[in-house]
PDB file of N, CA and C in Angstrom:
ATOM      1  N   UNK A   1      64.763 101.799 145.305  1.00  0.00           N
ATOM      2  CA  UNK A   1      64.672 102.929 144.167  1.00  0.00           C
ATOM      3  C   UNK A   1      66.140 102.957 143.501  1.00  0.00           C
ATOM      4  N   UNK A   2      66.285 102.467 142.416  1.00  0.00           N
ATOM      5  CA  UNK A   2      67.490 102.522 141.573  1.00  0.00           C
ATOM      6  C   UNK A   2      67.270 103.272 140.553  1.00  0.00           C
ATOM      7  N   UNK A   3      66.196 104.139 140.258  1.00  0.00           N
ATOM      8  CA  UNK A   3      66.292 105.069 139.033  1.00  0.00           C
ATOM      9  C   UNK A   3      65.940 106.415 139.708  1.00  0.00           C
ATOM     10  N   UNK A   4      66.545 107.526 139.148  1.00  0.00           N
ATOM     11  CA  UNK A   4      66.558 108.742 139.719  1.00  0.00           C
ATOM     12  C   UNK A   4      66.462 109.720 138.700  1.00  0.00           C
ATOM     13  N   UNK A   5      65.476 110.870 138.721  1.00  0.00           N
ATOM     14  CA  UNK A   5      65.466 111.860 137.770  1.00  0.00           C
ATOM     15  C   UNK A   5      66.359 112.856 137.993  1.00  0.00           C
ATOM     16  N   UNK A   6      66.867 113.603 136.814  1.00  0.00           N
ATOM     17  CA  UNK A   6      67.963 114.567 136.848  1.00  0.00           C
ATOM     18  C   UNK A   6      67.797 115.510 138.085  1.00  0.00           C
ATOM     19  N   UNK A   7      66.646 116.175 138.030  1.00  0.00           N
ATOM     20  CA  UNK A   7      66.437 117.126 139.025  1.00  0.00           C
ATOM     21  C   UNK A   7      66.624 116.583 140.642  1.00  0.00           C
ATOM     22  N   UNK A   8      66.145 115.493 140.811  1.00  0.00           N
ATOM     23  CA  UNK A   8      66.243 114.778 142.239  1.00  0.00           C
ATOM     24  C   UNK A   8      67.826 114.500 142.385  1.00  0.00           C
ATOM     25  N   UNK A   9      68.529 114.103 141.381  1.00  0.00           N
ATOM     26  CA  UNK A   9      70.207 113.909 141.313  1.00  0.00           C
ATOM     27  C   UNK A   9      70.809 115.135 141.676  1.00  0.00           C
ATOM     28  N   UNK A  10      70.249 116.218 141.124  1.00  0.00           N
ATOM     29  CA  UNK A  10      71.111 117.498 141.278  1.00  0.00           C
ATOM     30  C   UNK A  10      70.928 117.810 142.668  1.00  0.00           C
ATOM     31  N   UNK A  11      69.597 117.847 143.150  1.00  0.00           N
ATOM     32  CA  UNK A  11      69.310 118.429 144.523  1.00  0.00           C
ATOM     33  C   UNK A  11      69.834 117.304 145.660  1.00  0.00           C
ATOM     34  N   UNK A  12      69.997 116.129 145.323  1.00  0.00           N
ATOM     35  CA  UNK A  12      70.486 115.294 146.300  1.00  0.00           C
ATOM     36  C   UNK A  12      71.874 114.384 146.161  1.00  0.00           C
ATOM     37  N   UNK A  13      72.755 115.153 145.161  1.00  0.00           N
ATOM     38  CA  UNK A  13      73.845 114.350 144.819  1.00  0.00           C
ATOM     39  C   UNK A  13      74.571 113.689 145.812  1.00  0.00           C
ATOM     40  N   UNK A  14      74.810 114.369 146.921  1.00  0.00           N
ATOM     41  CA  UNK A  14      75.619 113.500 147.930  1.00  0.00           C
ATOM     42  C   UNK A  14      74.951 112.270 148.399  1.00  0.00           C
ATOM     43  N   UNK A  15      73.699 112.525 148.656  1.00  0.00           N
ATOM     44  CA  UNK A  15      73.094 111.315 149.127  1.00  0.00           C
ATOM     45  C   UNK A  15      73.277 110.166 148.278  1.00  0.00           C
ATOM     46  N   UNK A  16      72.859 110.423 146.829  1.00  0.00           N
ATOM     47  CA  UNK A  16      72.846 109.561 145.913  1.00  0.00           C
ATOM     48  C   UNK A  16      74.415 108.911 145.776  1.00  0.00           C
ATOM     49  N   UNK A  17      75.520 109.793 145.900  1.00  0.00           N
ATOM     50  CA  UNK A  17      76.602 109.290 145.556  1.00  0.00           C
ATOM     51  C   UNK A  17      77.006 108.310 146.888  1.00  0.00           C
ATOM     52  N   UNK A  18      76.482 108.592 148.120  1.00  0.00           N
ATOM     53  CA  UNK A  18      76.918 107.699 149.104  1.00  0.00           C
ATOM     54  C   UNK A  18      76.304 106.300 148.938  1.00  0.00           C
ATOM     55  N   UNK A  19      75.063 106.265 148.260  1.00  0.00           N
ATOM     56  CA  UNK A  19      74.532 104.970 147.842  1.00  0.00           C
ATOM     57  C   UNK A  19      75.267 104.353 147.077  1.00  0.00           C
ATOM     58  N   UNK A  20      75.973 105.020 145.925  1.00  0.00           N
ATOM     59  CA  UNK A  20      76.679 104.478 145.035  1.00  0.00           C
ATOM     60  C   UNK A  20      78.193 103.836 145.611  1.00  0.00           C
ATOM     61  N   UNK A  21      78.587 104.580 146.524  1.00  0.00           N
ATOM     62  CA  UNK A  21      79.715 104.116 147.233  1.00  0.00           C
ATOM     63  C   UNK A  21      79.621 102.797 148.040  1.00  0.00           C
ATOM     64  N   UNK A  22      78.312 102.640 148.435  1.00  0.00           N
ATOM     65  CA  UNK A  22      78.100 101.548 149.201  1.00  0.00           C
ATOM     66  C   UNK A  22      77.595 100.223 148.277  1.00  0.00           C
ATOM     67  N   UNK A  23      77.765 100.464 146.979  1.00  0.00           N
ATOM     68  CA  UNK A  23      77.502  99.499 145.953  1.00  0.00           C
ATOM     69  C   UNK A  23      76.289  99.435 145.003  1.00  0.00           C
ATOM     70  N   UNK A  24      75.462 100.593 145.273  1.00  0.00           N
ATOM     71  CA  UNK A  24      74.410 100.569 144.596  1.00  0.00           C
ATOM     72  C   UNK A  24      74.657 100.991 143.180  1.00  0.00           C
ATOM     73  N   UNK A  25      73.761 100.785 142.279  1.00  0.00           N
ATOM     74  CA  UNK A  25      73.742 101.206 140.944  1.00  0.00           C
ATOM     75  C   UNK A  25      72.602 101.953 140.658  1.00  0.00           C
ATOM     76  N   UNK A  26      72.663 103.282 140.145  1.00  0.00           N
ATOM     77  CA  UNK A  26      71.719 104.226 140.060  1.00  0.00           C
ATOM     78  C   UNK A  26      71.416 104.460 138.625  1.00  0.00           C
ATOM     79  N   UNK A  27      70.293 104.451 137.769  1.00  0.00           N
ATOM     80  CA  UNK A  27      69.796 104.761 136.480  1.00  0.00           C
ATOM     81  C   UNK A  27      69.315 106.239 136.646  1.00  0.00           C
ATOM     82  N   UNK A  28      69.926 107.212 135.824  1.00  0.00           N
ATOM     83  CA  UNK A  28      69.467 108.531 135.611  1.00  0.00           C
ATOM     84  C   UNK A  28      68.595 108.745 134.513  1.00  0.00           C
ATOM     85  N   UNK A  29      67.471 109.304 134.847  1.00  0.00           N
ATOM     86  CA  UNK A  29      66.261 109.449 134.150  1.00  0.00           C
ATOM     87  C   UNK A  29      66.188 110.942 133.612  1.00  0.00           C
ATOM     88  N   UNK A  30      65.791 111.200 132.190  1.00  0.00           N
ATOM     89  CA  UNK A  30      65.654 112.446 131.792  1.00  0.00           C
ATOM     90  C   UNK A  30      64.309 112.274 131.323  1.00  0.00           C
ATOM     91  N   UNK A  31      63.333 112.844 132.289  1.00  0.00           N
ATOM     92  CA  UNK A  31      61.974 112.578 132.299  1.00  0.00           C
ATOM     93  C   UNK A  31      61.777 111.027 132.449  1.00  0.00           C
ATOM     94  N   UNK A  32      61.437 110.270 131.592  1.00  0.00           N
ATOM     95  CA  UNK A  32      61.206 108.781 131.811  1.00  0.00           C
ATOM     96  C   UNK A  32      62.360 108.032 131.177  1.00  0.00           C
ATOM     97  N   UNK A  33      63.129 108.640 130.304  1.00  0.00           N
ATOM     98  CA  UNK A  33      64.184 108.192 129.380  1.00  0.00           C
ATOM     99  C   UNK A  33      65.442 107.881 130.224  1.00  0.00           C
ATOM    100  N   UNK A  34      65.956 106.645 130.317  1.00  0.00           N
ATOM    101  CA  UNK A  34      67.210 106.529 130.949  1.00  0.00           C
ATOM    102  C   UNK A  34      68.383 107.129 130.189  1.00  0.00           C
ATOM    103  N   UNK A  35      69.164 107.866 130.800  1.00  0.00           N
ATOM    104  CA  UNK A  35      70.405 108.450 129.999  1.00  0.00           C
ATOM    105  C   UNK A  35      71.578 108.301 130.649  1.00  0.00           C
ATOM    106  N   UNK A  36      71.549 107.695 131.761  1.00  0.00           N
ATOM    107  CA  UNK A  36      73.071 107.242 132.250  1.00  0.00           C
ATOM    108  C   UNK A  36      72.965 106.281 133.434  1.00  0.00           C
ATOM    109  N   UNK A  37      74.037 105.766 133.777  1.00  0.00           N
ATOM    110  CA  UNK A  37      74.142 104.945 134.938  1.00  0.00           C
ATOM    111  C   UNK A  37      75.205 105.173 135.928  1.00  0.00           C
ATOM    112  N   UNK A  38      75.011 105.388 137.081  1.00  0.00           N
ATOM    113  CA  UNK A  38      76.055 105.524 138.014  1.00  0.00           C
ATOM    114  C   UNK A  38      76.258 104.308 138.820  1.00  0.00           C
ATOM    115  N   UNK A  39      77.543 103.932 138.628  1.00  0.00           N
ATOM    116  CA  UNK A  39      78.027 102.525 139.394  1.00  0.00           C
ATOM    117  C   UNK A  39      79.200 102.747 140.445  1.00  0.00           C
ATOM    118  N   UNK A  40      79.355 101.945 141.162  1.00  0.00           N
ATOM    119  CA  UNK A  40      80.697 102.026 142.001  1.00  0.00           C
ATOM    120  C   UNK A  40      81.982 102.041 141.134  1.00  0.00           C
ATOM    121  N   UNK A  41      82.939 102.898 141.446  1.00  0.00           N
ATOM    122  CA  UNK A  41      84.182 103.023 140.694  1.00  0.00           C
ATOM    123  C   UNK A  41      85.069 101.790 141.011  1.00  0.00           C
ATOM    124  N   UNK A  42      85.651 101.219 140.010  1.00  0.00           N
ATOM    125  CA  UNK A  42      86.564  99.982 140.377  1.00  0.00           C
ATOM    126  C   UNK A  42      87.935 100.413 139.609  1.00  0.00           C
ATOM    127  N   UNK A  43      89.060 100.472 140.444  1.00  0.00           N
ATOM    128  CA  UNK A  43      90.202 100.732 139.947  1.00  0.00           C
ATOM    129  C   UNK A  43      90.754  99.595 139.092  1.00  0.00           C
ATOM    130  N   UNK A  44      91.565 100.206 138.094  1.00  0.00           N
ATOM    131  CA  UNK A  44      92.367  99.155 137.329  1.00  0.00           C
ATOM    132  C   UNK A  44      92.913  97.957 137.986  1.00  0.00           C
ATOM    133  N   UNK A  45      92.605  96.721 137.544  1.00  0.00           N
ATOM    134  CA  UNK A  45      93.246  95.516 138.096  1.00  0.00           C
ATOM    135  C   UNK A  45      92.416  95.085 139.162  1.00  0.00           C
ATOM    136  N   UNK A  46      91.340  95.657 139.726  1.00  0.00           N
ATOM    137  CA  UNK A  46      90.565  95.187 140.727  1.00  0.00           C
ATOM    138  C   UNK A  46      89.258  94.248 140.131  1.00  0.00           C
ATOM    139  N   UNK A  47      88.976  94.598 138.913  1.00  0.00           N
ATOM    140  CA  UNK A  47      87.939  93.966 138.217  1.00  0.00           C
ATOM    141  C   UNK A  47      88.613  92.638 137.598  1.00  0.00           C
ATOM    142  N   UNK A  48      88.741  91.519 138.260  1.00  0.00           N
ATOM    143  CA  UNK A  48      89.432  90.355 137.972  1.00  0.00           C
ATOM    144  C   UNK A  48      88.521  89.293 138.401  1.00  0.00           C
ATOM    145  N   UNK A  49      88.802  88.142 137.767  1.00  0.00           N
ATOM    146  CA  UNK A  49      88.035  86.818 138.282  1.00  0.00           C
ATOM    147  C   UNK A  49      86.489  87.008 138.180  1.00  0.00           C
ATOM    148  N   UNK A  50      85.717  86.696 139.318  1.00  0.00           N
ATOM    149  CA  UNK A  50      84.263  86.680 138.997  1.00  0.00           C
ATOM    150  C   UNK A  50      83.691  87.976 138.666  1.00  0.00           C
ATOM    151  N   UNK A  51      84.444  89.277 139.261  1.00  0.00           N
ATOM    152  CA  UNK A  51      83.886  90.460 139.105  1.00  0.00           C
ATOM    153  C   UNK A  51      83.925  90.847 137.606  1.00  0.00           C
ATOM    154  N   UNK A  52      84.978  90.388 136.809  1.00  0.00           N
ATOM    155  CA  UNK A  52      84.919  90.734 135.506  1.00  0.00           C
ATOM    156  C   UNK A  52      83.931  89.878 134.673  1.00  0.00           C
ATOM    157  N   UNK A  53      83.794  88.609 135.043  1.00  0.00           N
ATOM    158  CA  UNK A  53      82.790  87.692 134.365  1.00  0.00           C
ATOM    159  C   UNK A  53      81.535  88.242 134.550  1.00  0.00           C
ATOM    160  N   UNK A  54      81.225  88.605 135.899  1.00  0.00           N
ATOM    161  CA  UNK A  54      80.021  89.375 136.071  1.00  0.00           C
ATOM    162  C   UNK A  54      79.609  90.524 135.141  1.00  0.00           C
ATOM    163  N   UNK A  55      80.552  91.338 135.120  1.00  0.00           N
ATOM    164  CA  UNK A  55      80.403  92.508 134.222  1.00  0.00           C
ATOM    165  C   UNK A  55      80.184  92.217 132.824  1.00  0.00           C
ATOM    166  N   UNK A  56      80.818  91.059 132.191  1.00  0.00           N
ATOM    167  CA  UNK A  56      80.525  90.715 130.859  1.00  0.00           C
ATOM    168  C   UNK A  56      79.232  90.094 130.798  1.00  0.00           C
ATOM    169  N   UNK A  57      78.767  89.462 131.908  1.00  0.00           N
ATOM    170  CA  UNK A  57      77.366  88.759 131.848  1.00  0.00           C
ATOM    171  C   UNK A  57      76.429  89.900 131.779  1.00  0.00           C
ATOM    172  N   UNK A  58      76.563  90.985 132.612  1.00  0.00           N
ATOM    173  CA  UNK A  58      75.707  92.151 132.625  1.00  0.00           C
ATOM    174  C   UNK A  58      75.696  92.708 131.244  1.00  0.00           C
ATOM    175  N   UNK A  59      76.856  92.985 130.590  1.00  0.00           N
ATOM    176  CA  UNK A  59      76.572  93.684 129.215  1.00  0.00           C
ATOM    177  C   UNK A  59      75.838  92.754 128.343  1.00  0.00           C
ATOM    178  N   UNK A  60      76.254  91.430 128.521  1.00  0.00           N
ATOM    179  CA  UNK A  60      75.350  90.620 127.535  1.00  0.00           C
ATOM    180  C   UNK A  60      74.075  90.638 127.665  1.00  0.00           C
ATOM    181  N   UNK A  61      73.540  90.571 128.874  1.00  0.00           N
ATOM    182  CA  UNK A  61      72.210  90.821 129.260  1.00  0.00           C
ATOM    183  C   UNK A  61      71.654  92.142 128.701  1.00  0.00           C
ATOM    184  N   UNK A  62      72.319  93.172 128.818  1.00  0.00           N
ATOM    185  CA  UNK A  62      71.939  94.375 128.173  1.00  0.00           C
ATOM    186  C   UNK A  62      71.901  94.504 126.951  1.00  0.00           C
ATOM    187  N   UNK A  63      72.581  93.672 126.158  1.00  0.00           N
ATOM    188  CA  UNK A  63      72.573  93.583 124.620  1.00  0.00           C
ATOM    189  C   UNK A  63      73.723  94.431 124.183  1.00  0.00           C
ATOM    190  N   UNK A  64      74.622  94.818 124.890  1.00  0.00           N
ATOM    191  CA  UNK A  64      75.825  95.652 124.551  1.00  0.00           C
ATOM    192  C   UNK A  64      76.858  94.687 123.901  1.00  0.00           C
ATOM    193  N   UNK A  65      77.178  93.503 124.509  1.00  0.00           N
ATOM    194  CA  UNK A  65      78.101  92.567 123.975  1.00  0.00           C
ATOM    195  C   UNK A  65      77.197  91.360 123.437  1.00  0.00           C
ATOM    196  N   UNK A  66      77.590  90.524 122.512  1.00  0.00           N
ATOM    197  CA  UNK A  66      77.317  89.349 122.257  1.00  0.00           C
ATOM    198  C   UNK A  66      78.325  88.338 122.360  1.00  0.00           C
ATOM    199  N   UNK A  67      78.105  87.172 122.691  1.00  0.00           N
ATOM    200  CA  UNK A  67      79.027  86.024 122.783  1.00  0.00           C
ATOM    201  C   UNK A  67      79.507  85.757 121.435  1.00  0.00           C
ATOM    202  N   UNK A  68      80.978  85.701 121.373  1.00  0.00           N
ATOM    203  CA  UNK A  68      81.508  85.280 120.164  1.00  0.00           C
ATOM    204  C   UNK A  68      81.222  83.606 120.010  1.00  0.00           C
ATOM    205  N   UNK A  69      81.599  83.223 118.459  1.00  0.00           N
ATOM    206  CA  UNK A  69      81.651  81.837 118.241  1.00  0.00           C
ATOM    207  C   UNK A  69      82.873  81.563 117.776  1.00  0.00           C
ATOM    208  N   UNK A  70      83.813  80.928 118.380  1.00  0.00           N
ATOM    209  CA  UNK A  70      85.145  80.433 117.933  1.00  0.00           C
ATOM    210  C   UNK A  70      85.227  79.894 116.555  1.00  0.00           C
ATOM    211  N   UNK A  71      84.186  78.997 116.223  1.00  0.00           N
ATOM    212  CA  UNK A  71      84.174  78.240 115.019  1.00  0.00           C
ATOM    213  C   UNK A  71      83.976  79.175 113.952  1.00  0.00           C
ATOM    214  N   UNK A  72      82.884  80.089 114.013  1.00  0.00           N
ATOM    215  CA  UNK A  72      82.644  81.026 113.064  1.00  0.00           C
ATOM    216  C   UNK A  72      83.936  81.950 112.610  1.00  0.00           C
ATOM    217  N   UNK A  73      84.641  82.536 113.792  1.00  0.00           N
ATOM    218  CA  UNK A  73      85.769  83.232 113.574  1.00  0.00           C
ATOM    219  C   UNK A  73      86.861  82.375 112.672  1.00  0.00           C
ATOM    220  N   UNK A  74      87.131  81.190 113.050  1.00  0.00           N
ATOM    221  CA  UNK A  74      88.016  80.337 112.413  1.00  0.00           C
ATOM    222  C   UNK A  74      87.580  80.262 111.014  1.00  0.00           C
ATOM    223  N   UNK A  75      86.365  80.005 110.599  1.00  0.00           N
ATOM    224  CA  UNK A  75      85.792  79.740 109.219  1.00  0.00           C
ATOM    225  C   UNK A  75      85.887  80.989 108.632  1.00  0.00           C
ATOM    226  N   UNK A  76      85.649  82.173 109.005  1.00  0.00           N
ATOM    227  CA  UNK A  76      85.891  83.434 108.500  1.00  0.00           C
ATOM    228  C   UNK A  76      87.369  83.795 108.093  1.00  0.00           C
ATOM    229  N   UNK A  77      88.253  83.430 108.933  1.00  0.00           N
ATOM    230  CA  UNK A  77      89.767  83.524 108.881  1.00  0.00           C
ATOM    231  C   UNK A  77      90.287  82.605 107.667  1.00  0.00           C
ATOM    232  N   UNK A  78      89.590  81.524 107.405  1.00  0.00           N
ATOM    233  CA  UNK A  78      89.856  80.548 106.535  1.00  0.00           C
ATOM    234  C   UNK A  78      89.593  81.021 105.090  1.00  0.00           C
ATOM    235  N   UNK A  79      88.385  81.739 105.192  1.00  0.00           N
ATOM    236  CA  UNK A  79      87.748  82.358 103.756  1.00  0.00           C
ATOM    237  C   UNK A  79      88.474  83.662 103.482  1.00  0.00           C
ATOM    238  N   UNK A  80      88.966  84.424 104.342  1.00  0.00           N
ATOM    239  CA  UNK A  80      89.787  85.522 104.245  1.00  0.00           C
ATOM    240  C   UNK A  80      91.173  85.643 104.422  1.00  0.00           C
ATOM    241  N   UNK A  81      92.067  85.050 103.618  1.00  0.00           N
ATOM    242  CA  UNK A  81      93.226  85.095 103.821  1.00  0.00           C
ATOM    243  C   UNK A  81      93.881  86.487 103.645  1.00  0.00           C
ATOM    244  N   UNK A  82      94.921  86.790 104.350  1.00  0.00           N
ATOM    245  CA  UNK A  82      95.619  88.027 104.384  1.00  0.00           C
ATOM    246  C   UNK A  82      96.193  88.212 102.808  1.00  0.00           C
ATOM    247  N   UNK A  83      96.149  89.459 102.548  1.00  0.00           N
ATOM    248  CA  UNK A  83      96.558  89.989 101.124  1.00  0.00           C
ATOM    249  C   UNK A  83      98.070  89.988 101.186  1.00  0.00           C
ATOM    250  N   UNK A  84      98.811  89.325 100.210  1.00  0.00           N
ATOM    251  CA  UNK A  84     100.208  89.312  99.977  1.00  0.00           C
ATOM    252  C   UNK A  84     100.654  90.297  99.207  1.00  0.00           C
ATOM    253  N   UNK A  85     101.604  91.395  99.517  1.00  0.00           N
ATOM    254  CA  UNK A  85     101.763  92.295  98.672  1.00  0.00           C
ATOM    255  C   UNK A  85     102.795  91.866  97.741  1.00  0.00           C
ATOM    256  N   UNK A  86     103.026  92.383  96.514  1.00  0.00           N
ATOM    257  CA  UNK A  86     104.168  91.905  95.533  1.00  0.00           C
ATOM    258  C   UNK A  86     105.545  92.551  96.364  1.00  0.00           C
ATOM    259  N   UNK A  87     106.529  91.591  95.847  1.00  0.00           N
ATOM    260  CA  UNK A  87     107.728  91.888  96.459  1.00  0.00           C
ATOM    261  C   UNK A  87     108.360  93.290  96.006  1.00  0.00           C
ATOM    262  N   UNK A  88     108.820  93.975  96.790  1.00  0.00           N
ATOM    263  CA  UNK A  88     109.374  95.512  96.592  1.00  0.00           C
ATOM    264  C   UNK A  88     108.378  96.665  96.791  1.00  0.00           C
ATOM    265  N   UNK A  89     107.054  96.207  96.964  1.00  0.00           N
ATOM    266  CA  UNK A  89     106.026  97.273  97.140  1.00  0.00           C
ATOM    267  C   UNK A  89     106.008  97.864  98.635  1.00  0.00           C
ATOM    268  N   UNK A  90     105.700  99.118  98.665  1.00  0.00           N
ATOM    269  CA  UNK A  90     105.679  99.922  99.858  1.00  0.00           C
ATOM    270  C   UNK A  90     104.602  99.492 100.527  1.00  0.00           C
ATOM    271  N   UNK A  91     104.803  99.500 101.850  1.00  0.00           N
ATOM    272  CA  UNK A  91     103.794  99.322 102.880  1.00  0.00           C
ATOM    273  C   UNK A  91     102.798 100.399 103.020  1.00  0.00           C
ATOM    274  N   UNK A  92     101.564 100.076 103.612  1.00  0.00           N
ATOM    275  CA  UNK A  92     100.592 101.065 103.785  1.00  0.00           C
ATOM    276  C   UNK A  92     100.962 102.231 104.585  1.00  0.00           C
ATOM    277  N   UNK A  93     101.811 102.047 105.562  1.00  0.00           N
ATOM    278  CA  UNK A  93     102.301 102.829 106.451  1.00  0.00           C
ATOM    279  C   UNK A  93     103.393 103.964 105.795  1.00  0.00           C
ATOM    280  N   UNK A  94     104.106 103.337 104.974  1.00  0.00           N
ATOM    281  CA  UNK A  94     105.085 104.244 104.185  1.00  0.00           C
ATOM    282  C   UNK A  94     104.206 105.105 103.215  1.00  0.00           C
ATOM    283  N   UNK A  95     103.206 104.496 102.493  1.00  0.00           N
ATOM    284  CA  UNK A  95     102.349 105.336 101.664  1.00  0.00           C
ATOM    285  C   UNK A  95     101.849 106.469 102.526  1.00  0.00           C
ATOM    286  N   UNK A  96     101.243 106.228 103.727  1.00  0.00           N
ATOM    287  CA  UNK A  96     100.486 107.269 104.516  1.00  0.00           C
ATOM    288  C   UNK A  96     101.448 108.225 105.053  1.00  0.00           C
ATOM    289  N   UNK A  97     102.564 107.913 105.427  1.00  0.00           N
ATOM    290  CA  UNK A  97     103.659 108.796 105.732  1.00  0.00           C
ATOM    291  C   UNK A  97     103.979 109.818 104.777  1.00  0.00           C
ATOM    292  N   UNK A  98     104.095 109.220 103.418  1.00  0.00           N
ATOM    293  CA  UNK A  98     104.369 110.011 102.367  1.00  0.00           C
ATOM    294  C   UNK A  98     103.240 110.970 102.043  1.00  0.00           C
ATOM    295  N   UNK A  99     102.137 110.595 102.260  1.00  0.00           N
ATOM    296  CA  UNK A  99     100.926 111.451 101.835  1.00  0.00           C
ATOM    297  C   UNK A  99     100.711 112.508 102.929  1.00  0.00           C
ATOM    298  N   UNK A 100     101.131 112.238 104.122  1.00  0.00           N
ATOM    299  CA  UNK A 100     101.068 113.305 105.133  1.00  0.00           C
ATOM    300  C   UNK A 100     102.159 114.439 105.127  1.00  0.00           C
ATOM    301  N   UNK A 101     103.107 113.897 104.575  1.00  0.00           N
ATOM    302  CA  UNK A 101     104.359 114.824 104.233  1.00  0.00           C
ATOM    303  C   UNK A 101     103.896 115.715 103.119  1.00  0.00           C
ATOM    304  N   UNK A 102     103.264 115.155 102.101  1.00  0.00           N
ATOM    305  CA  UNK A 102     102.884 116.030 100.952  1.00  0.00           C
ATOM    306  C   UNK A 102     101.761 117.125 101.434  1.00  0.00           C
ATOM    307  N   UNK A 103     100.866 116.623 102.201  1.00  0.00           N
ATOM    308  CA  UNK A 103      99.709 117.401 102.641  1.00  0.00           C
ATOM    309  C   UNK A 103     100.288 118.617 103.323  1.00  0.00           C
ATOM    310  N   UNK A 104     101.432 118.484 104.087  1.00  0.00           N
ATOM    311  CA  UNK A 104     101.970 119.647 104.905  1.00  0.00           C
ATOM    312  C   UNK A 104     102.709 120.677 104.177  1.00  0.00           C
ATOM    313  N   UNK A 105     102.796 120.497 102.908  1.00  0.00           N
ATOM    314  CA  UNK A 105     103.562 121.484 102.057  1.00  0.00           C
ATOM    315  C   UNK A 105     102.785 122.559 101.729  1.00  0.00           C
TER     316      UNK A 105
END
């Protein structure tokens, strides 16, 4: 049982959290619709190597991520060269800071 309805989760939260602590992943359902997923906590720096690769593979399978195409990125960059500002023109940051200063008055 890896799917739990909200009412069951509220009534048995400690039991479900104990399962998650042991490594289980639980999908939370609102009626029959998945709304959340409880997964074991991984501190920063712990998700390295195979764990991180496994997580990325899971996200690709779920359709959250799609693998990139390095050749397509290189081709896009070749067609979309950075814009060169005329000599002496202000940067976008300078213009933004000026605009912010004017709106505060």
